[in-house]
Every structure is written in C-alpha cells, then in structure tokens.
Amino acid sequence: MAYIELIVWALTAILIVVPAASVRGENVVRWVSAVGMIRWEPTNLDDPTSTGLAQVYEGLTLTDSDLTLHPALATDWVLVRPDMWRFHLRPGVRFHDGTTLTARDVAFSLERGRGKGSDYAIFITNVAAVTATADDTVEITTKRPDLLLPVKLRRMPIIPEAWALRHGAALPARLDDSSAYTFAHANGTGPFMLESFEPGRRTVLVRNPNWWGSAAYPRDIDRIVWTIETDPERRLALLVGGEADFLQDPPLDRLDRLRNTPGIKLTSMDVLSTVFLGLDLGSAELRTSDVKGRNPFADRRVRQAVYQAIDVAALVTKAVNGLGKPAGMMTAPGTNGYDPELDRRLPYDPERARALLAEAGYPGGFAVRLDCPPHRRSPCEEIAAQLAGVGLRVVADIPPYPVFRQRVTDRASDFYLSADHPGMTLDSGESFHDLYYQARPHWLAAPGYADPVTEGLIERIDGEVSTPVRDALIDQTWRRVLDDIVVVPLYHTVWVWAMRDWLDVPPHALPWPLFRQARLATSR
C-alpha cells in the first residue's frame, strides 16, 4: 500500500467516531467476508453454509464458545437403553413462520438428514428409527450404542415438516440445484431470520423477536447485513472506512496495521481445524497430470515426497502470517483423540523427497493441478512454489468456492487443499468419517482410499461404549492412517477476526461467529 494511501487510511479511521449502525435507529452489524452464503439447504455442511445456518437454524442441543453441551430445542435427554435416546422438546418454540415446533418436525428433519445428498448423513448412519411418541417427545433408536448422539445432533438443523412438504423440499437439495426452494429460503427456530439472499453477494438477517433463548442471550443486534467481498484490499477498506463492522477474514499481512487503527480491535483463536492436502489415490490416471497410464498418488512414496517437500514453518510464516501451527495429525488440540506425539511432522527434507520420487519412477517429477478455495489462495500458491523445488509442476487453480466444492464432491479433483474440523462431535471419530471412511464417504474423503482394516476400526469406534477401549481404538486408527499418508496434514489453524471496538463477538473453536452471543457496547 502506497504511503499516501496509508495517510488517508489513518485519517479516515480517526474520523470514524460513531458507527453508522447507530445512526440508522437500529443496531445493525455489517459483516464482510471473502466467502459467504452459497445456499440455504439445511443439510449442507461446508464452512460458508454452516456459517449462515448457525445463525438461523438450531439442533436439539447446542454448544457456545466454551464448547460445553447445552439444551436447545430439547430441554433434556436420557439414554433409555443402550440403543435408544429419548429427547424432551422445549415447549412453546416457534419456527420463523410462526408454526409451533413438534416432535414430528424433529423426526422429519432427522429422516431428511439421513437422505441422499445430505452432508449430515455420515454422522447419523447409526440411526435406525426416529419416532415421535408425543408432541414433545422423540425417541431415537440406533443400530448400535451411540454415546455421542446428543453431541452430533447439536448441529442437525430442525425444519418444519409442513413447510418443507409444501415447497417440494421433502429431500435434501442437490448442491447444484439453485431452483430448489431451500436454496434461497430458510425457516428455522434460531435467533436470526433470513430476510433476503443474493447468492454469492449479500445476505440480510433480522432479529427473531420470538426466540426462545432471548432470556439467556439478550441480543443487542437487530439486523445483520452480510456482504461478500473477494478482494482483500477492498475488504480492508470497508472496515477501515467505516462501511463494515465485522471482518471475518482480514488480510493477514495487514494485521499489524489494523492493531494500530483507532476504533478497531482484533480477536484471535485456536480453531479445531486442520489444513491438509487431499490426493486422488484411486483413479487409474490423474486427470490433470502429464503422467499417462498410472496414478503417481497411488504410490505411498510419492505421497511422502509431497509431505517432505513442504516446509510448513515457512508456509505458515509466508502465507498466513504465522497464524497456524505445524500439524502431523489430522485433528487439533482440544479434540478427543489428539496426541502430541502423533502431531509431530515428518521432517522437511527436499532431498529425501526427490529421492522418493526417483525411486517411485518419477525422477523428473510430474505436472498436476492443485484445486484450492479462494480464501486459501496464499497457502495454495506457496505450496505450488515449494513443490516446484522437487520437480513437481503444480498449477494452482483457485475457482469460486461453489466450483471448488462441486469439483471435490464429484471426485473430479486430483489434488486439493482444504481443511477438516470435527465440529459436529469434537471427537476423532468424526475426522475418521470425514477423511478415511469409504462406505459412505464425506465430500472431503480421500478419493480411492480403501482399507478394510481401517473401515473395521472406525465401525468399532462408532459402537464402543467403553471410553478406555474406544480411546485405544482411536489411537490405533490414527497410527494406521497417518503412517499410510492418506492425506498430507499441513497446519492447525489460528483464526483472526477484526471488528469495531464497540462490538464483542466471542471467539470459539469453530471458524464462524455465533451472533447469538455477540454484545454491543452500551455507549458508542
């Protein structure tokens, strides 16, 4: 940024003494991010969609920034027998259209959530039946004991059955179906209601005056205007110039300047999220490689070469301004099953990487495309540059997020950069399902990875009721998949938000804000 621009920036910041939100007669928070709401289909779990859904929809349970499990639409739950949970619903809860929540809505939502195309399906495959035994009681029978079910259901959105059926939404909408009613409409029970939606551009949420949680969460915010701005300099200018109040992803190379800007504060947090490289292990031939007739990534030696060719310490320093911690395992501290011993990376060793490539039959390396989402442009380009040092000619491709997501979901990507966060259960079992379980693969799962022993271990973890036995199985599974380098772990993320000093959005271990917990200063 030029010197004269810095002067203008500083003067503009000093002049902003009254937030524009207060002038308009209502408390408005103007939220800006690089990637925003793509669709409102409640069974989608990608990060941008989850961010919006968390404001509008609710599950039977919830966690706040402390990650402690609390009642939400259910006031209590009990394990009736090893394979059955009973949930009692909160009385008087209304959906945003005014209809009353009943057990039928819960049963319908869970059945819908198990359907084809639902990202939640992998978390509730163990559910055998959902029965509304009374207007306020739901019984969930599982195929085998599932002690984590109340935790899993905290992010399973409950929608009204009649509304869904009336609008042809009995089944989850396809990712690419913009004509589906649930693409652009929402009807939850949460603290904010959807007022308007311009895909990829702007979302407006308004305060739900009838929210059941108003006593526990006395929200000050009347309206949230969420704008998507892909240009990092423009995002920065919106915040500094007084046109934005909350910046979810400030440019990381501008954080020091933001810290010294009057009226702006930064909040950082360790997020239960691990950035990694996914590789197609199963295709006979990679789509974007110059190697024909075979798949280099099917060879563990090539995967190890990719691993050891990347200097993660330099990657974190250059690409994310130090906001990351090198990762050797695919789960972060704070997740059940995390082990600091397993989190030690293989050493950065480009000579060893070149030797492994030659040993595998690629002494001159090979070409391949690396698919990345827009908000990870910097690490994507740095990884491509580092891999060039060992002869891998990597072309970084950074399409719009919906294109990236569809490409990875369709198993049409040879090589991709993404992140996994076990935010449903805070447990390693979730990461196993996300990345290594092929019986019903998650969209992030390594394409073509098939190991019956690993699959068996994951299924045993799912049904185990003894904590010591389950933890031992988790450790065994981690050692197996990490040794095989099914994916390449890179770093555990540290997230930073920038906001007006009159706005308080508590940090937590998932990469999206919970505006039900937000507070505004009493005097601004």
Protein backbone atom coordinates (compact mmCIF):
# COMPACT_ATOMS: atom_id res chain seq x y z
CA MET A 1 0.00 0.00 0.00
CA ALA A 2 1.45 3.42 -1.00
CA TYR A 3 2.47 5.97 1.66
CA ILE A 4 -0.23 8.48 0.70
CA GLU A 5 -2.87 5.73 0.89
CA LEU A 6 -1.72 4.90 4.42
CA ILE A 7 -2.16 8.53 5.46
CA VAL A 8 -5.68 8.64 4.01
CA TRP A 9 -6.46 5.33 5.70
CA ALA A 10 -5.29 6.61 9.10
CA LEU A 11 -7.15 9.91 8.81
CA THR A 12 -10.33 8.10 7.77
CA ALA A 13 -10.06 5.78 10.77
CA ILE A 14 -9.60 8.70 13.18
CA LEU A 15 -12.69 10.43 11.83
CA ILE A 16 -14.91 7.41 12.47
CA VAL A 17 -16.17 8.01 15.98
CA VAL A 18 -19.82 6.98 15.65
CA PRO A 19 -20.68 3.70 13.94
CA ALA A 20 -23.08 4.11 11.04
CA ALA A 21 -25.26 1.39 12.51
CA SER A 22 -26.38 3.56 15.42
CA VAL A 23 -27.33 6.46 13.13
CA ARG A 24 -29.96 4.36 11.40
CA GLY A 25 -32.07 3.92 14.55
CA GLU A 26 -31.45 0.20 14.92
CA ASN A 27 -28.44 -1.89 15.85
CA VAL A 28 -27.04 -3.12 12.56
CA VAL A 29 -23.88 -5.15 12.22
CA ARG A 30 -22.33 -5.04 8.78
CA TRP A 31 -20.43 -8.29 8.30
CA VAL A 32 -17.94 -8.79 5.45
CA SER A 33 -16.12 -11.95 4.39
CA ALA A 34 -14.27 -13.36 1.39
CA VAL A 35 -16.59 -16.35 1.04
CA GLY A 36 -20.20 -16.20 2.07
CA MET A 37 -23.52 -17.94 1.97
CA ILE A 38 -23.81 -20.15 -1.09
CA ARG A 39 -27.14 -21.85 -0.43
CA TRP A 40 -29.59 -22.30 2.46
CA GLU A 41 -30.14 -26.04 2.11
CA PRO A 42 -30.00 -27.01 5.82
CA THR A 43 -28.23 -30.34 5.29
CA ASN A 44 -25.11 -28.74 3.75
CA LEU A 45 -22.03 -28.63 5.95
CA ASP A 46 -19.39 -26.69 4.03
CA ASP A 47 -17.91 -23.80 6.00
CA PRO A 48 -19.69 -20.87 4.31
CA THR A 49 -23.08 -22.57 4.52
CA SER A 50 -22.51 -23.68 8.11
CA THR A 51 -21.69 -20.08 8.99
CA GLY A 52 -25.12 -18.84 7.93
CA LEU A 53 -27.05 -21.86 9.13
CA ALA A 54 -25.60 -21.38 12.62
CA GLN A 55 -27.41 -18.05 12.89
CA VAL A 56 -30.81 -19.22 11.60
CA TYR A 57 -31.26 -22.91 12.40
CA GLU A 58 -30.90 -24.92 15.61
CA GLY A 59 -30.49 -28.50 16.69
CA LEU A 60 -31.72 -30.34 19.74
CA THR A 61 -28.60 -29.34 21.67
CA LEU A 62 -26.05 -26.55 21.29
CA THR A 63 -22.55 -25.50 22.26
CA ASP A 64 -21.43 -21.95 22.91
CA SER A 65 -17.90 -20.61 22.69
CA ASP A 66 -16.97 -22.77 25.70
CA LEU A 67 -17.84 -25.92 23.67
CA THR A 68 -19.94 -27.21 26.58
CA LEU A 69 -23.11 -29.05 25.57
CA HIS A 70 -26.31 -27.20 26.50
CA PRO A 71 -30.04 -27.77 25.95
CA ALA A 72 -31.50 -26.10 22.87
CA LEU A 73 -34.69 -27.34 21.22
CA ALA A 74 -34.52 -30.25 23.63
CA THR A 75 -34.57 -29.44 27.34
CA ASP A 76 -33.21 -32.82 28.40
CA TRP A 77 -32.28 -36.23 27.04
CA VAL A 78 -31.78 -39.66 28.54
CA LEU A 79 -30.32 -42.96 27.40
CA VAL A 80 -33.35 -45.22 27.83
CA ARG A 81 -31.41 -48.31 26.85
CA PRO A 82 -28.03 -48.80 25.12
CA ASP A 83 -29.60 -48.34 21.68
CA MET A 84 -32.23 -45.67 22.40
CA TRP A 85 -32.16 -41.98 23.34
CA ARG A 86 -35.24 -40.05 24.43
CA PHE A 87 -35.39 -36.25 23.95
CA HIS A 88 -37.98 -33.95 25.52
CA LEU A 89 -38.65 -30.81 23.50
CA ARG A 90 -38.74 -27.26 24.77
CA PRO A 91 -42.36 -26.04 24.99
CA GLY A 92 -43.58 -23.03 23.04
CA VAL A 93 -40.80 -22.91 20.42
CA ARG A 94 -41.91 -21.41 17.11
CA PHE A 95 -40.37 -21.51 13.67
CA HIS A 96 -39.78 -18.24 11.90
CA ASP A 97 -43.08 -18.61 10.02
CA GLY A 98 -44.94 -18.79 13.34
CA THR A 99 -45.70 -22.52 13.38
CA THR A 100 -45.06 -24.45 16.59
CA LEU A 101 -42.23 -26.95 16.85
CA THR A 102 -43.41 -30.54 17.40
CA ALA A 103 -41.79 -33.92 17.66
CA ARG A 104 -42.99 -34.67 14.11
CA ASP A 105 -40.78 -31.86 12.83
CA VAL A 106 -37.79 -33.34 14.63
CA ALA A 107 -38.49 -36.83 13.30
CA PHE A 108 -38.94 -35.45 9.78
CA SER A 109 -35.71 -33.40 9.95
CA LEU A 110 -33.63 -36.35 11.10
CA GLU A 111 -35.09 -38.64 8.46
CA ARG A 112 -34.42 -35.95 5.85
CA GLY A 113 -30.92 -35.52 7.22
CA ARG A 114 -30.24 -39.20 6.55
CA GLY A 115 -31.24 -38.82 2.90
CA LYS A 116 -29.10 -38.87 -0.23
CA GLY A 117 -27.19 -35.64 -0.70
CA SER A 118 -27.18 -34.70 2.98
CA ASP A 119 -23.78 -33.87 4.49
CA TYR A 120 -25.20 -34.93 7.86
CA ALA A 121 -25.93 -38.46 6.69
CA ILE A 122 -22.50 -39.78 7.63
CA PHE A 123 -23.00 -38.63 11.23
CA ILE A 124 -26.35 -40.32 11.71
CA THR A 125 -25.90 -43.53 9.72
CA ASN A 126 -26.17 -45.30 13.05
CA VAL A 127 -29.76 -44.07 13.47
CA ALA A 128 -32.22 -46.89 12.83
CA ALA A 129 -35.51 -45.13 13.58
CA VAL A 130 -36.86 -41.79 14.80
CA THR A 131 -40.26 -41.87 16.50
CA ALA A 132 -42.43 -39.02 17.72
CA THR A 133 -44.02 -40.69 20.75
CA ALA A 134 -45.80 -37.46 21.80
CA ASP A 135 -45.92 -33.85 20.62
CA ASP A 136 -42.97 -33.06 22.86
CA THR A 137 -41.06 -36.36 22.89
CA VAL A 138 -38.78 -38.02 20.34
CA GLU A 139 -37.17 -41.43 20.66
CA ILE A 140 -34.15 -42.25 18.51
CA THR A 141 -33.21 -45.88 18.14
CA THR A 142 -29.67 -46.63 16.96
CA LYS A 143 -28.25 -49.70 15.26
CA ARG A 144 -25.61 -49.90 17.96
CA PRO A 145 -24.89 -47.82 21.07
CA ASP A 146 -24.04 -44.21 20.24
CA LEU A 147 -22.97 -42.19 23.26
CA LEU A 148 -22.11 -39.18 21.09
CA LEU A 149 -25.56 -38.80 19.56
CA PRO A 150 -26.62 -35.75 21.68
CA VAL A 151 -23.40 -34.03 20.59
CA LYS A 152 -23.93 -34.88 16.92
CA LEU A 153 -27.47 -33.53 16.99
CA ARG A 154 -26.44 -30.07 18.13
CA ARG A 155 -25.78 -29.03 14.53
CA MET A 156 -28.52 -31.07 12.84
CA PRO A 157 -30.95 -28.28 11.77
CA ILE A 158 -34.59 -28.84 12.62
CA ILE A 159 -37.04 -27.60 9.98
CA PRO A 160 -40.86 -27.67 9.90
CA GLU A 161 -42.24 -30.70 8.10
CA ALA A 162 -45.31 -28.93 6.67
CA TRP A 163 -43.20 -26.08 5.25
CA ALA A 164 -40.78 -28.48 3.57
CA LEU A 165 -43.51 -30.61 2.07
CA ARG A 166 -45.45 -27.57 0.89
CA HIS A 167 -42.43 -26.35 -1.05
CA GLY A 168 -41.29 -29.67 -2.51
CA ALA A 169 -38.36 -29.99 -0.11
CA ALA A 170 -39.01 -33.43 1.35
CA LEU A 171 -35.50 -34.47 0.31
CA PRO A 172 -32.16 -32.63 0.54
CA ALA A 173 -31.46 -30.40 -2.46
CA ARG A 174 -28.53 -31.14 -4.71
CA LEU A 175 -25.57 -28.78 -4.39
CA ASP A 176 -26.05 -27.53 -7.94
CA ASP A 177 -29.84 -27.12 -7.78
CA SER A 178 -30.42 -23.39 -7.48
CA SER A 179 -34.10 -23.90 -8.31
CA ALA A 180 -34.73 -25.83 -5.07
CA TYR A 181 -36.81 -23.90 -2.56
CA THR A 182 -34.25 -24.47 0.18
CA PHE A 183 -31.53 -22.93 -1.97
CA ALA A 184 -32.74 -19.41 -1.22
CA HIS A 185 -35.26 -19.80 1.63
CA ALA A 186 -34.89 -20.72 5.28
CA ASN A 187 -37.30 -21.40 8.14
CA GLY A 188 -35.59 -22.25 11.40
CA THR A 189 -36.09 -21.55 15.08
CA GLY A 190 -32.84 -19.66 15.64
CA PRO A 191 -32.01 -16.17 16.91
CA PHE A 192 -31.97 -14.60 13.44
CA MET A 193 -34.30 -14.91 10.46
CA LEU A 194 -33.45 -14.74 6.78
CA GLU A 195 -34.79 -11.52 5.24
CA SER A 196 -33.07 -11.53 1.86
CA PHE A 197 -30.43 -13.50 -0.04
CA GLU A 198 -28.38 -12.70 -3.13
CA PRO A 199 -26.22 -15.81 -3.76
CA GLY A 200 -22.54 -15.06 -3.54
CA ARG A 201 -23.19 -11.37 -2.86
CA ARG A 202 -25.33 -10.39 0.12
CA THR A 203 -27.44 -11.85 2.90
CA VAL A 204 -29.60 -9.92 5.34
CA LEU A 205 -30.63 -11.45 8.67
CA VAL A 206 -33.03 -9.87 11.16
CA ARG A 207 -33.58 -10.47 14.85
CA ASN A 208 -36.12 -13.15 15.74
CA PRO A 209 -38.33 -11.39 18.33
CA ASN A 210 -39.91 -14.67 19.42
CA TRP A 211 -36.72 -16.63 20.01
CA TRP A 212 -36.92 -18.96 22.98
CA GLY A 213 -33.35 -18.09 24.04
CA SER A 214 -33.76 -14.33 24.45
CA ALA A 215 -33.59 -14.51 28.24
CA ALA A 216 -30.30 -16.39 28.22
CA TYR A 217 -28.86 -14.48 25.26
CA PRO A 218 -30.08 -10.87 25.39
CA ARG A 219 -29.02 -9.97 21.86
CA ASP A 220 -28.43 -6.33 21.02
CA ILE A 221 -28.33 -6.83 17.26
CA ASP A 222 -31.44 -6.06 15.22
CA ARG A 223 -30.07 -6.69 11.76
CA ILE A 224 -27.02 -8.34 10.17
CA VAL A 225 -26.01 -7.33 6.66
CA TRP A 226 -23.53 -9.91 5.37
CA THR A 227 -21.62 -8.89 2.24
CA ILE A 228 -19.20 -10.94 0.20
CA GLU A 229 -16.05 -9.20 -0.97
CA THR A 230 -13.37 -11.37 -2.57
CA ASP A 231 -10.78 -8.60 -2.90
CA PRO A 232 -8.76 -8.50 0.36
CA GLU A 233 -7.82 -4.83 -0.10
CA ARG A 234 -11.45 -3.90 -0.62
CA ARG A 235 -12.47 -5.86 2.50
CA LEU A 236 -9.87 -3.97 4.46
CA ALA A 237 -11.01 -0.63 3.07
CA LEU A 238 -14.62 -1.38 4.00
CA LEU A 239 -13.67 -1.95 7.63
CA VAL A 240 -11.26 0.93 7.96
CA GLY A 241 -13.52 3.28 6.03
CA GLY A 242 -16.46 2.68 8.33
CA GLU A 243 -18.57 0.68 5.86
CA ALA A 244 -18.16 -2.63 7.73
CA ASP A 245 -18.25 -3.55 11.40
CA PHE A 246 -17.12 -7.18 11.46
CA LEU A 247 -14.46 -8.60 9.14
CA GLN A 248 -14.36 -12.37 9.35
CA ASP A 249 -11.15 -12.81 7.36
CA PRO A 250 -8.93 -9.72 7.45
CA PRO A 251 -5.88 -9.77 5.16
CA LEU A 252 -3.25 -11.46 7.29
CA ASP A 253 -0.43 -9.21 6.10
CA ARG A 254 -2.35 -6.16 7.37
CA LEU A 255 -2.95 -7.26 10.96
CA ASP A 256 -0.24 -5.07 12.48
CA ARG A 257 -1.74 -2.03 10.78
CA LEU A 258 -5.21 -2.95 11.97
CA ARG A 259 -3.97 -3.25 15.56
CA ASN A 260 -2.86 0.37 15.38
CA THR A 261 -6.07 1.67 13.83
CA PRO A 262 -8.29 3.61 16.27
CA GLY A 263 -11.69 2.08 16.81
CA ILE A 264 -10.75 -1.43 15.59
CA LYS A 265 -9.83 -4.49 17.62
CA LEU A 266 -8.64 -7.98 16.71
CA THR A 267 -9.67 -11.30 18.23
CA SER A 268 -7.65 -14.45 17.61
CA MET A 269 -8.49 -18.05 18.46
CA ASP A 270 -7.15 -21.56 18.01
CA VAL A 271 -9.68 -23.32 15.83
CA LEU A 272 -10.34 -27.07 15.81
CA SER A 273 -9.40 -27.16 12.15
CA THR A 274 -6.52 -28.71 10.25
CA VAL A 275 -5.50 -27.64 6.76
CA PHE A 276 -4.40 -30.53 4.56
CA LEU A 277 -3.73 -31.71 1.04
CA GLY A 278 -6.09 -34.30 -0.38
CA LEU A 279 -4.92 -36.62 -3.13
CA ASP A 280 -6.75 -38.93 -5.52
CA LEU A 281 -5.44 -42.37 -4.59
CA GLY A 282 -7.90 -44.39 -6.65
CA SER A 283 -8.08 -43.23 -10.25
CA ALA A 284 -6.15 -45.26 -12.79
CA GLU A 285 -4.84 -42.00 -14.24
CA LEU A 286 -4.90 -38.44 -12.93
CA ARG A 287 -6.96 -36.02 -14.99
CA THR A 288 -4.58 -33.08 -14.88
CA SER A 289 -1.19 -34.81 -14.90
CA ASP A 290 1.25 -35.38 -17.74
CA VAL A 291 1.76 -38.93 -16.45
CA LYS A 292 -0.33 -41.32 -18.54
CA GLY A 293 -1.40 -44.85 -17.74
CA ARG A 294 -0.79 -44.69 -13.98
CA ASN A 295 -1.51 -42.59 -10.92
CA PRO A 296 1.52 -41.23 -9.06
CA PHE A 297 -0.50 -40.54 -5.89
CA ALA A 298 -1.41 -44.23 -5.58
CA ASP A 299 2.24 -44.76 -4.55
CA ARG A 300 2.93 -44.02 -0.89
CA ARG A 301 6.47 -42.91 -1.79
CA VAL A 302 5.04 -40.08 -3.90
CA ARG A 303 2.71 -39.03 -1.10
CA GLN A 304 5.64 -38.99 1.31
CA ALA A 305 7.63 -36.93 -1.20
CA VAL A 306 4.84 -34.34 -1.30
CA TYR A 307 4.77 -34.35 2.51
CA GLN A 308 8.52 -33.86 2.97
CA ALA A 309 8.86 -31.33 0.15
CA ILE A 310 6.76 -28.79 2.05
CA ASP A 311 8.37 -26.55 4.63
CA VAL A 312 5.30 -25.97 6.78
CA ALA A 313 7.05 -23.50 9.08
CA ALA A 314 7.86 -21.32 6.06
CA LEU A 315 4.37 -21.90 4.64
CA VAL A 316 2.73 -20.65 7.83
CA THR A 317 5.06 -17.66 8.06
CA LYS A 318 4.73 -16.56 4.44
CA ALA A 319 1.16 -17.48 3.60
CA VAL A 320 -0.81 -16.99 6.82
CA ASN A 321 1.35 -14.52 8.75
CA GLY A 322 2.30 -17.08 11.38
CA LEU A 323 -1.33 -17.90 12.19
CA GLY A 324 -1.01 -21.66 12.18
CA LYS A 325 0.77 -24.47 13.98
CA PRO A 326 2.52 -27.26 12.01
CA ALA A 327 0.43 -30.42 12.07
CA GLY A 328 1.43 -34.05 11.92
CA MET A 329 -2.04 -35.43 12.55
CA MET A 330 -5.45 -34.57 11.20
CA THR A 331 -7.01 -33.34 14.41
CA ALA A 332 -6.15 -30.37 16.60
CA PRO A 333 -5.55 -29.94 20.33
CA GLY A 334 -8.88 -29.93 22.15
CA THR A 335 -10.32 -32.81 20.12
CA ASN A 336 -10.79 -36.19 21.76
CA GLY A 337 -8.03 -38.46 20.47
CA TYR A 338 -5.45 -35.74 19.91
CA ASP A 339 -1.93 -36.95 20.73
CA PRO A 340 1.05 -34.53 20.72
CA GLU A 341 3.35 -37.43 19.88
CA LEU A 342 1.43 -38.18 16.70
CA ASP A 343 1.23 -34.48 15.89
CA ARG A 344 4.97 -34.33 15.13
CA ARG A 345 5.53 -33.91 11.41
CA LEU A 346 7.97 -35.84 9.27
CA PRO A 347 11.00 -33.56 8.79
CA TYR A 348 11.12 -31.14 5.90
CA ASP A 349 13.62 -32.82 3.57
CA PRO A 350 13.55 -31.89 -0.13
CA GLU A 351 16.49 -34.17 -0.89
CA ARG A 352 14.60 -37.12 0.53
CA ALA A 353 11.53 -36.03 -1.44
CA ARG A 354 13.49 -36.02 -4.71
CA ALA A 355 14.92 -39.44 -3.90
CA LEU A 356 11.46 -40.85 -3.17
CA LEU A 357 10.12 -39.50 -6.47
CA ALA A 358 13.01 -41.08 -8.37
CA GLU A 359 12.53 -44.36 -6.53
CA ALA A 360 8.84 -44.32 -7.48
CA GLY A 361 9.72 -43.78 -11.14
CA TYR A 362 9.38 -40.00 -11.42
CA PRO A 363 12.96 -38.66 -11.40
CA GLY A 364 11.87 -35.57 -13.32
CA GLY A 365 8.73 -35.07 -11.28
CA PHE A 366 5.37 -34.58 -12.96
CA ALA A 367 2.66 -32.00 -13.53
CA VAL A 368 -0.65 -31.81 -11.71
CA ARG A 369 -3.31 -29.21 -10.87
CA LEU A 370 -3.91 -28.16 -7.25
CA ASP A 371 -7.52 -27.09 -6.58
CA CYS A 372 -7.99 -24.50 -3.83
CA PRO A 373 -10.83 -22.37 -2.41
CA PRO A 374 -10.49 -18.59 -2.76
CA HIS A 375 -9.89 -17.95 0.94
CA ARG A 376 -6.77 -20.17 0.83
CA ARG A 377 -5.14 -18.51 -2.17
CA SER A 378 -1.89 -17.60 -0.39
CA PRO A 379 -1.11 -21.05 1.04
CA CYS A 380 -2.14 -22.62 -2.25
CA GLU A 381 0.35 -20.54 -4.24
CA GLU A 382 3.09 -21.07 -1.66
CA ILE A 383 2.60 -24.85 -1.73
CA ALA A 384 2.82 -24.86 -5.52
CA ALA A 385 6.06 -22.87 -5.34
CA GLN A 386 7.59 -25.18 -2.74
CA LEU A 387 6.68 -28.35 -4.63
CA ALA A 388 8.36 -26.95 -7.73
CA GLY A 389 11.63 -27.28 -5.78
CA VAL A 390 11.45 -31.07 -6.04
CA GLY A 391 10.28 -31.17 -9.64
CA LEU A 392 6.51 -31.22 -9.16
CA ARG A 393 4.99 -28.80 -11.66
CA VAL A 394 1.91 -27.77 -9.76
CA VAL A 395 -0.61 -25.40 -11.29
CA ALA A 396 -2.63 -23.66 -8.57
CA ASP A 397 -6.26 -23.34 -9.66
CA ILE A 398 -8.49 -21.14 -7.47
CA PRO A 399 -12.06 -21.20 -8.78
CA PRO A 400 -15.08 -19.69 -6.99
CA TYR A 401 -15.94 -21.68 -3.88
CA PRO A 402 -19.05 -23.42 -5.32
CA VAL A 403 -16.95 -24.68 -8.25
CA PHE A 404 -14.23 -25.90 -5.90
CA ARG A 405 -16.72 -27.65 -3.62
CA GLN A 406 -18.50 -29.33 -6.54
CA ARG A 407 -15.22 -30.47 -8.07
CA VAL A 408 -14.08 -32.14 -4.84
CA THR A 409 -17.55 -33.55 -4.11
CA ASP A 410 -17.74 -35.09 -7.59
CA ARG A 411 -14.34 -36.74 -7.12
CA ALA A 412 -13.12 -34.70 -10.08
CA SER A 413 -10.06 -33.27 -8.32
CA ASP A 414 -6.64 -34.90 -8.43
CA PHE A 415 -5.11 -32.75 -5.73
CA TYR A 416 -6.86 -30.27 -3.42
CA LEU A 417 -6.25 -28.01 -0.46
CA SER A 418 -8.91 -27.92 2.23
CA ALA A 419 -9.45 -28.12 5.97
CA ASP A 420 -11.19 -30.56 8.26
CA HIS A 421 -12.71 -29.65 11.59
CA PRO A 422 -14.58 -32.17 13.76
CA GLY A 423 -17.13 -29.56 14.77
CA MET A 424 -20.03 -31.97 14.96
CA THR A 425 -18.66 -34.16 17.74
CA LEU A 426 -15.29 -32.67 18.82
CA ASP A 427 -14.05 -36.24 18.50
CA SER A 428 -11.51 -38.04 16.29
CA GLY A 429 -14.20 -40.42 15.11
CA GLU A 430 -15.63 -37.55 13.08
CA SER A 431 -12.31 -36.93 11.32
CA PHE A 432 -12.11 -40.63 10.51
CA HIS A 433 -15.51 -40.43 8.83
CA ASP A 434 -14.60 -37.18 7.08
CA LEU A 435 -11.36 -38.41 5.58
CA TYR A 436 -10.95 -42.18 5.64
CA TYR A 437 -14.33 -43.94 5.68
CA GLN A 438 -15.45 -45.03 2.22
CA ALA A 439 -18.63 -46.99 2.97
CA ARG A 440 -20.46 -43.65 2.87
CA PRO A 441 -17.79 -41.09 2.02
CA HIS A 442 -17.77 -37.49 3.14
CA TRP A 443 -17.07 -34.97 0.37
CA LEU A 444 -13.58 -34.39 1.78
CA ALA A 445 -12.68 -38.10 1.96
CA ALA A 446 -9.56 -39.17 0.12
CA PRO A 447 -10.77 -40.48 -3.27
CA GLY A 448 -9.98 -44.11 -3.79
CA TYR A 449 -8.67 -44.89 -0.33
CA ALA A 450 -9.92 -48.34 0.63
CA ASP A 451 -8.59 -50.23 3.63
CA PRO A 452 -10.89 -52.84 5.19
CA VAL A 453 -8.90 -52.82 8.43
CA THR A 454 -9.33 -49.06 8.84
CA GLU A 455 -13.03 -49.29 7.97
CA GLY A 456 -13.45 -52.00 10.60
CA LEU A 457 -11.69 -49.94 13.24
CA ILE A 458 -13.89 -46.92 12.52
CA GLU A 459 -17.03 -49.02 12.83
CA ARG A 460 -15.82 -50.46 16.13
CA ILE A 461 -15.16 -46.92 17.42
CA ASP A 462 -18.69 -45.91 16.42
CA GLY A 463 -20.27 -48.63 18.55
CA GLU A 464 -17.91 -48.79 21.52
CA VAL A 465 -19.34 -47.73 24.90
CA SER A 466 -16.20 -48.16 27.00
CA THR A 467 -14.17 -44.95 26.94
CA PRO A 468 -10.76 -46.63 27.54
CA VAL A 469 -11.40 -49.20 24.82
CA ARG A 470 -12.69 -46.57 22.42
CA ASP A 471 -9.70 -44.29 23.02
CA ALA A 472 -7.33 -47.20 22.34
CA LEU A 473 -9.10 -47.89 19.05
CA ILE A 474 -8.83 -44.21 18.12
CA ASP A 475 -5.09 -44.28 18.79
CA GLN A 476 -4.69 -47.44 16.69
CA THR A 477 -6.61 -45.90 13.81
CA TRP A 478 -4.61 -42.69 13.84
CA ARG A 479 -1.33 -44.58 13.73
CA ARG A 480 -2.54 -46.61 10.77
CA VAL A 481 -3.83 -43.78 8.56
CA LEU A 482 -1.03 -41.36 9.41
CA ASP A 483 1.62 -43.93 8.54
CA ASP A 484 -0.07 -44.54 5.19
CA ILE A 485 -0.14 -40.76 4.44
CA VAL A 486 -3.69 -40.96 3.12
CA VAL A 487 -3.80 -37.15 3.18
CA VAL A 488 -0.97 -34.70 3.89
CA PRO A 489 -1.53 -32.70 7.11
CA LEU A 490 -0.17 -29.16 6.99
CA TYR A 491 -1.15 -26.93 9.90
CA HIS A 492 -3.74 -26.36 12.61
CA THR A 493 -5.41 -23.04 12.02
CA VAL A 494 -5.45 -19.91 14.12
CA TRP A 495 -8.33 -17.62 13.17
CA VAL A 496 -8.45 -13.84 13.44
CA TRP A 497 -11.48 -11.57 13.33
CA ALA A 498 -11.34 -7.78 13.06
CA MET A 499 -14.22 -5.66 14.33
CA ARG A 500 -15.28 -2.30 15.70
CA ASP A 501 -14.31 -1.81 19.31
CA TRP A 502 -18.00 -1.44 20.25
CA LEU A 503 -18.71 -4.97 19.02
CA ASP A 504 -17.87 -8.08 21.01
CA VAL A 505 -18.12 -11.44 19.20
CA PRO A 506 -16.72 -14.15 21.50
CA PRO A 507 -14.11 -16.39 19.88
CA HIS A 508 -14.58 -20.12 19.85
CA ALA A 509 -13.07 -23.25 18.33
CA LEU A 510 -15.15 -23.33 15.15
CA PRO A 511 -14.41 -20.98 12.25
CA TRP A 512 -17.63 -18.95 12.28
CA PRO A 513 -19.14 -16.34 14.59
CA LEU A 514 -22.11 -17.05 16.84
CA PHE A 515 -24.01 -13.78 16.78
CA ARG A 516 -26.42 -15.02 19.45
CA GLN A 517 -23.51 -14.40 21.86
CA ALA A 518 -22.49 -11.04 20.41
CA ARG A 519 -22.69 -7.89 22.52
CA LEU A 520 -22.65 -4.21 21.66
CA ALA A 521 -21.13 -1.56 23.90
CA THR A 522 -23.74 0.30 25.95
CA SER A 523 -22.23 3.65 24.95
CA ARG A 524 -20.87 4.14 21.47
